[in-house]
Amino acid sequence: MVEDHQYNPNDVSACRCVLIEVITVLGKYRDRIAVVGGWVPELTIPGQGHMGSLNVDLALDAARFSPYVYETIRNDLLGAGYTPTDIPNRFEREVPGNPTPVRVDLLCGEYAGESQGSTHEMIQGMAVWKARGLDLAAWFHTKVRVSGTLPDGGRNEVTVTVPTIPAFLCMKGILLVDRKKEKDAYDVYFCVANFPDGLKALSSEFQPMLSNNLVQEGLRNLRAKFSTIEDIGPVWAARVAVEAGAGEEFARRDAFEQVNRLLDILKIPSH
């Protein structure tokens, strides 16, 4: 099991509060920051039973930030009660009544900014970790509205930039090769199974993106990791789906069939 299993609804609720607050705090940068990671399915396909996430991942569009400005993102977060950690791009936020602080990670893609070939990009004085695939969030995104209560009270509604579901699926496909985190496979399964108007509508949204190399890489990875019902894609997706109330055997077969049906429509070859 990976660290983000055993989801406690109170922890998820606390994380949602922090998500809304951090977008509020960094409001002047809103058009240059995308929410990525485990909150994308719930924000983009709300009300369908996604389990949410226990941390907030923000992708900064490095190409649109000056390397240094007077008032830095870091100072904005520190002033709002966020605590720095030993990892320079990671902050934590205590939520009253919740024993576990919520983690906020600042990330960026590989291909934007000035530090080509480096593992980090300097953005407003911070060393922000560069992750493969995150450029897709800058290239293919949409906006959603999200509302809720802030950690210290008070309700707010904010506009959030998120990757499109096709971009998100490809980002997760890349991550399935780069790390062992079972929820990545669950997020893929959830988005494919619950996309509004079904697989044909989802495949149509992919069409303008298919010439992109990162998109192709992500889709090939999904084909490899979901190639049989015994592969890690269906197995990991089902393990996490059980926590969301699904039957493991059904979820494993459904994840395998749904993802492969999409890849067949997109004509992604088998290995």
Protein backbone atom coordinates (compact mmCIF):
# COMPACT_ATOMS: atom_id res chain seq x y z
CA MET A 1 0.00 0.00 0.00
CA VAL A 2 1.16 3.53 -0.71
CA GLU A 3 1.10 6.42 1.70
CA ASP A 4 -2.09 8.00 0.42
CA HIS A 5 -4.24 4.94 1.05
CA GLN A 6 -6.60 4.83 4.05
CA TYR A 7 -8.23 8.11 3.15
CA ASN A 8 -9.93 9.78 6.07
CA PRO A 9 -12.84 12.01 4.94
CA ASN A 10 -11.78 14.65 7.47
CA ASP A 11 -8.27 14.74 5.97
CA VAL A 12 -9.70 15.09 2.46
CA SER A 13 -12.01 17.87 3.62
CA ALA A 14 -9.10 19.67 5.26
CA CYS A 15 -7.09 19.39 2.06
CA ARG A 16 -9.95 20.87 0.03
CA CYS A 17 -9.99 23.84 2.42
CA VAL A 18 -6.28 24.36 1.83
CA LEU A 19 -6.70 24.03 -1.93
CA ILE A 20 -9.21 26.87 -1.95
CA GLU A 21 -7.09 28.96 0.41
CA VAL A 22 -3.82 28.57 -1.49
CA ILE A 23 -5.51 29.65 -4.73
CA THR A 24 -6.95 32.61 -2.81
CA VAL A 25 -3.53 33.54 -1.39
CA LEU A 26 -1.85 33.26 -4.81
CA GLY A 27 -4.73 34.90 -6.64
CA LYS A 28 -2.56 37.38 -8.54
CA TYR A 29 -0.74 34.44 -10.15
CA ARG A 30 -3.90 32.42 -10.84
CA ASP A 31 -3.52 32.39 -14.63
CA ARG A 32 0.04 31.07 -14.30
CA ILE A 33 -0.70 28.26 -11.83
CA ALA A 34 -2.57 25.01 -12.48
CA VAL A 35 -3.86 22.53 -9.93
CA VAL A 36 -2.50 19.13 -10.90
CA GLY A 37 -2.40 15.78 -9.12
CA GLY A 38 -5.18 14.01 -7.32
CA TRP A 39 -7.67 16.89 -7.11
CA VAL A 40 -8.12 17.18 -10.88
CA PRO A 41 -10.75 14.40 -11.23
CA GLU A 42 -12.98 15.78 -8.48
CA LEU A 43 -12.68 19.37 -9.71
CA THR A 44 -13.29 18.45 -13.35
CA ILE A 45 -15.85 15.65 -12.91
CA PRO A 46 -17.51 16.60 -9.61
CA GLY A 47 -20.14 14.63 -7.77
CA GLN A 48 -19.22 11.21 -9.20
CA GLY A 49 -17.64 9.74 -6.09
CA HIS A 50 -13.97 10.53 -6.53
CA MET A 51 -12.11 10.25 -3.23
CA GLY A 52 -10.20 13.52 -3.52
CA SER A 53 -6.60 13.89 -2.38
CA LEU A 54 -4.54 14.44 0.75
CA ASN A 55 -2.17 17.03 -0.70
CA VAL A 56 -2.24 19.96 -3.10
CA ASP A 57 0.03 19.95 -6.16
CA LEU A 58 0.44 23.22 -8.05
CA ALA A 59 2.18 23.45 -11.43
CA LEU A 60 3.77 26.85 -12.09
CA ASP A 61 4.09 27.93 -15.71
CA ALA A 62 7.78 28.85 -15.47
CA ALA A 63 7.83 30.56 -18.86
CA ARG A 64 5.42 33.19 -17.53
CA PHE A 65 7.20 34.02 -14.26
CA SER A 66 10.05 36.45 -13.82
CA PRO A 67 12.91 34.72 -11.99
CA TYR A 68 12.74 37.26 -9.13
CA VAL A 69 10.17 39.85 -8.07
CA TYR A 70 9.79 41.96 -4.96
CA GLU A 71 6.94 40.00 -3.38
CA THR A 72 7.63 36.29 -3.82
CA ILE A 73 5.25 33.35 -3.80
CA ARG A 74 7.17 32.03 -0.82
CA ASN A 75 6.54 35.20 1.19
CA ASP A 76 2.85 35.13 0.27
CA LEU A 77 2.56 31.58 1.59
CA LEU A 78 4.57 32.25 4.75
CA GLY A 79 2.43 35.29 5.47
CA ALA A 80 -0.71 33.18 5.17
CA GLY A 81 0.43 30.66 7.75
CA TYR A 82 2.16 28.08 5.55
CA THR A 83 5.27 26.46 7.03
CA PRO A 84 8.35 25.71 4.93
CA THR A 85 9.85 22.22 5.00
CA ASP A 86 13.27 20.73 4.29
CA ILE A 87 12.17 20.43 0.65
CA PRO A 88 12.38 23.96 -0.79
CA ASN A 89 9.26 23.72 -2.97
CA ARG A 90 7.10 22.11 -0.27
CA PHE A 91 4.98 23.84 2.35
CA GLU A 92 2.59 22.60 5.02
CA ARG A 93 -0.59 24.15 6.34
CA GLU A 94 -2.09 23.31 9.73
CA VAL A 95 -5.89 23.07 9.66
CA PRO A 96 -7.70 23.66 12.98
CA GLY A 97 -9.20 20.41 14.29
CA ASN A 98 -7.19 18.23 11.91
CA PRO A 99 -4.14 16.42 13.34
CA THR A 100 -2.27 16.09 10.04
CA PRO A 101 -0.95 19.17 8.22
CA VAL A 102 -1.80 19.45 4.52
CA ARG A 103 1.15 19.37 2.13
CA VAL A 104 1.41 21.87 -0.74
CA ASP A 105 3.98 21.13 -3.46
CA LEU A 106 5.04 23.68 -6.09
CA LEU A 107 6.14 22.05 -9.36
CA CYS A 108 6.85 22.98 -12.95
CA GLY A 109 7.38 21.28 -16.30
CA GLU A 110 10.67 20.36 -17.95
CA TYR A 111 10.52 22.51 -21.04
CA ALA A 112 9.62 25.98 -19.78
CA GLY A 113 11.86 28.46 -18.04
CA GLU A 114 15.58 29.10 -18.19
CA SER A 115 17.07 26.03 -16.46
CA GLN A 116 16.91 23.57 -19.33
CA GLY A 117 18.35 20.20 -18.37
CA SER A 118 18.20 20.96 -14.63
CA THR A 119 16.06 19.15 -12.08
CA HIS A 120 14.84 22.48 -10.63
CA GLU A 121 13.75 25.89 -11.92
CA MET A 122 14.35 29.10 -9.99
CA ILE A 123 11.01 30.90 -9.74
CA GLN A 124 10.86 34.02 -7.59
CA GLY A 125 13.77 32.83 -5.48
CA MET A 126 12.53 29.27 -4.97
CA ALA A 127 14.01 26.09 -6.39
CA VAL A 128 10.88 24.49 -7.88
CA TRP A 129 11.13 20.82 -8.80
CA LYS A 130 10.70 20.01 -12.51
CA ALA A 131 8.53 17.00 -13.32
CA ARG A 132 8.16 15.21 -16.63
CA GLY A 133 4.73 15.66 -18.19
CA LEU A 134 3.70 18.76 -16.28
CA ASP A 135 4.17 20.94 -19.36
CA LEU A 136 0.90 19.42 -20.57
CA ALA A 137 -0.93 21.39 -17.88
CA ALA A 138 0.38 24.64 -19.38
CA TRP A 139 -0.42 23.62 -22.96
CA PHE A 140 -3.85 21.96 -22.51
CA HIS A 141 -5.97 23.32 -19.68
CA THR A 142 -9.40 24.55 -18.69
CA LYS A 143 -10.88 26.55 -15.82
CA VAL A 144 -13.36 25.45 -13.15
CA ARG A 145 -15.02 27.13 -10.20
CA VAL A 146 -14.59 25.65 -6.73
CA SER A 147 -16.06 26.87 -3.47
CA GLY A 148 -15.74 25.95 0.18
CA THR A 149 -14.62 27.03 3.62
CA LEU A 150 -11.08 28.23 4.29
CA PRO A 151 -9.03 26.56 7.05
CA ASP A 152 -9.59 29.42 9.51
CA GLY A 153 -13.23 29.91 8.51
CA GLY A 154 -15.07 31.94 5.92
CA ARG A 155 -16.42 30.69 2.63
CA ASN A 156 -14.88 31.59 -0.72
CA GLU A 157 -15.25 30.70 -4.38
CA VAL A 158 -12.24 30.75 -6.70
CA THR A 159 -11.45 30.03 -10.33
CA VAL A 160 -8.93 27.24 -10.73
CA THR A 161 -6.88 26.28 -13.79
CA VAL A 162 -6.64 22.50 -14.27
CA PRO A 163 -5.31 20.32 -17.08
CA THR A 164 -7.93 18.93 -19.43
CA ILE A 165 -8.82 15.32 -18.75
CA PRO A 166 -6.86 14.10 -21.83
CA ALA A 167 -3.78 16.00 -20.63
CA PHE A 168 -4.27 14.69 -17.10
CA LEU A 169 -4.51 11.09 -18.32
CA CYS A 170 -1.24 11.46 -20.21
CA MET A 171 0.44 13.04 -17.18
CA LYS A 172 -0.67 10.07 -15.09
CA GLY A 173 0.54 7.68 -17.76
CA ILE A 174 4.00 9.20 -17.48
CA LEU A 175 3.90 9.00 -13.68
CA LEU A 176 2.96 5.31 -13.75
CA VAL A 177 6.43 4.67 -15.16
CA ASP A 178 8.25 7.10 -12.88
CA ARG A 179 6.90 6.05 -9.47
CA LYS A 180 4.87 3.52 -7.50
CA LYS A 181 1.73 5.29 -6.40
CA GLU A 182 -1.42 3.22 -6.77
CA LYS A 183 -3.75 6.21 -6.81
CA ASP A 184 -2.28 7.29 -10.18
CA ALA A 185 -3.91 4.22 -11.75
CA TYR A 186 -7.16 4.85 -9.87
CA ASP A 187 -7.30 8.44 -11.13
CA VAL A 188 -6.87 7.18 -14.70
CA TYR A 189 -9.66 4.64 -14.26
CA PHE A 190 -12.00 7.16 -12.62
CA CYS A 191 -11.59 9.76 -15.36
CA VAL A 192 -12.05 7.28 -18.20
CA ALA A 193 -15.06 5.62 -16.58
CA ASN A 194 -16.80 8.86 -15.58
CA PHE A 195 -16.00 11.25 -18.41
CA PRO A 196 -19.19 13.12 -19.40
CA ASP A 197 -20.82 11.64 -22.53
CA GLY A 198 -18.49 8.64 -22.56
CA LEU A 199 -15.45 7.36 -24.39
CA LYS A 200 -16.27 8.78 -27.81
CA ALA A 201 -16.51 12.27 -26.36
CA LEU A 202 -13.24 11.74 -24.51
CA SER A 203 -11.50 10.45 -27.63
CA SER A 204 -12.72 13.53 -29.55
CA GLU A 205 -11.03 15.80 -27.00
CA PHE A 206 -7.78 13.92 -27.59
CA GLN A 207 -7.72 14.51 -31.34
CA PRO A 208 -6.10 17.98 -31.43
CA MET A 209 -3.39 16.75 -29.04
CA LEU A 210 -2.30 13.49 -30.63
CA SER A 211 0.71 14.92 -32.46
CA ASN A 212 2.28 16.03 -29.16
CA ASN A 213 5.20 13.83 -28.08
CA LEU A 214 4.33 13.90 -24.37
CA VAL A 215 0.75 12.93 -25.18
CA GLN A 216 1.98 9.97 -27.21
CA GLU A 217 4.38 8.97 -24.43
CA GLY A 218 1.63 9.04 -21.84
CA LEU A 219 -0.76 7.02 -23.99
CA ARG A 220 1.90 4.40 -24.78
CA ASN A 221 2.61 4.09 -21.07
CA LEU A 222 -1.08 3.60 -20.33
CA ARG A 223 -1.22 0.85 -22.94
CA ALA A 224 1.77 -0.86 -21.32
CA LYS A 225 0.52 -0.57 -17.73
CA PHE A 226 -3.06 -1.65 -18.57
CA SER A 227 -2.15 -4.25 -21.20
CA THR A 228 -3.58 -7.22 -19.24
CA ILE A 229 -5.90 -7.56 -16.30
CA GLU A 230 -2.90 -8.65 -14.21
CA ASP A 231 -0.84 -5.53 -14.93
CA ILE A 232 -0.29 -2.82 -12.35
CA GLY A 233 -2.78 -0.43 -13.96
CA PRO A 234 -5.92 -2.48 -13.30
CA VAL A 235 -4.54 -4.01 -10.09
CA TRP A 236 -3.61 -0.69 -8.49
CA ALA A 237 -6.78 1.03 -9.70
CA ALA A 238 -8.91 -1.70 -8.12
CA ARG A 239 -7.08 -1.60 -4.79
CA VAL A 240 -7.82 2.10 -4.42
CA ALA A 241 -11.35 1.79 -5.81
CA VAL A 242 -12.17 -0.60 -2.95
CA GLU A 243 -11.63 2.30 -0.55
CA ALA A 244 -14.17 4.30 -2.58
CA GLY A 245 -16.71 1.48 -2.14
CA ALA A 246 -16.20 -0.60 -5.29
CA GLY A 247 -15.79 -4.36 -5.53
CA GLU A 248 -12.17 -5.22 -6.27
CA GLU A 249 -12.76 -7.91 -8.91
CA PHE A 250 -15.28 -5.78 -10.80
CA ALA A 251 -13.09 -2.66 -10.60
CA ARG A 252 -10.02 -4.49 -11.88
CA ARG A 253 -11.80 -5.86 -14.93
CA ASP A 254 -13.67 -2.61 -15.56
CA ALA A 255 -10.46 -0.56 -15.35
CA PHE A 256 -8.75 -2.89 -17.81
CA GLU A 257 -11.66 -2.82 -20.27
CA GLN A 258 -12.42 0.91 -20.07
CA VAL A 259 -8.84 2.11 -20.51
CA ASN A 260 -8.13 -0.31 -23.34
CA ARG A 261 -11.34 0.62 -25.12
CA LEU A 262 -10.23 4.26 -25.11
CA LEU A 263 -6.75 3.36 -26.34
CA ASP A 264 -8.26 1.24 -29.11
CA ILE A 265 -10.38 4.18 -30.27
CA LEU A 266 -7.24 6.34 -30.26
CA LYS A 267 -5.37 3.62 -32.21
CA ILE A 268 -2.55 3.35 -29.69
CA PRO A 269 -0.66 0.17 -30.63
CA SER A 270 -0.15 -2.72 -28.23
CA HIS A 271 3.35 -3.68 -27.23
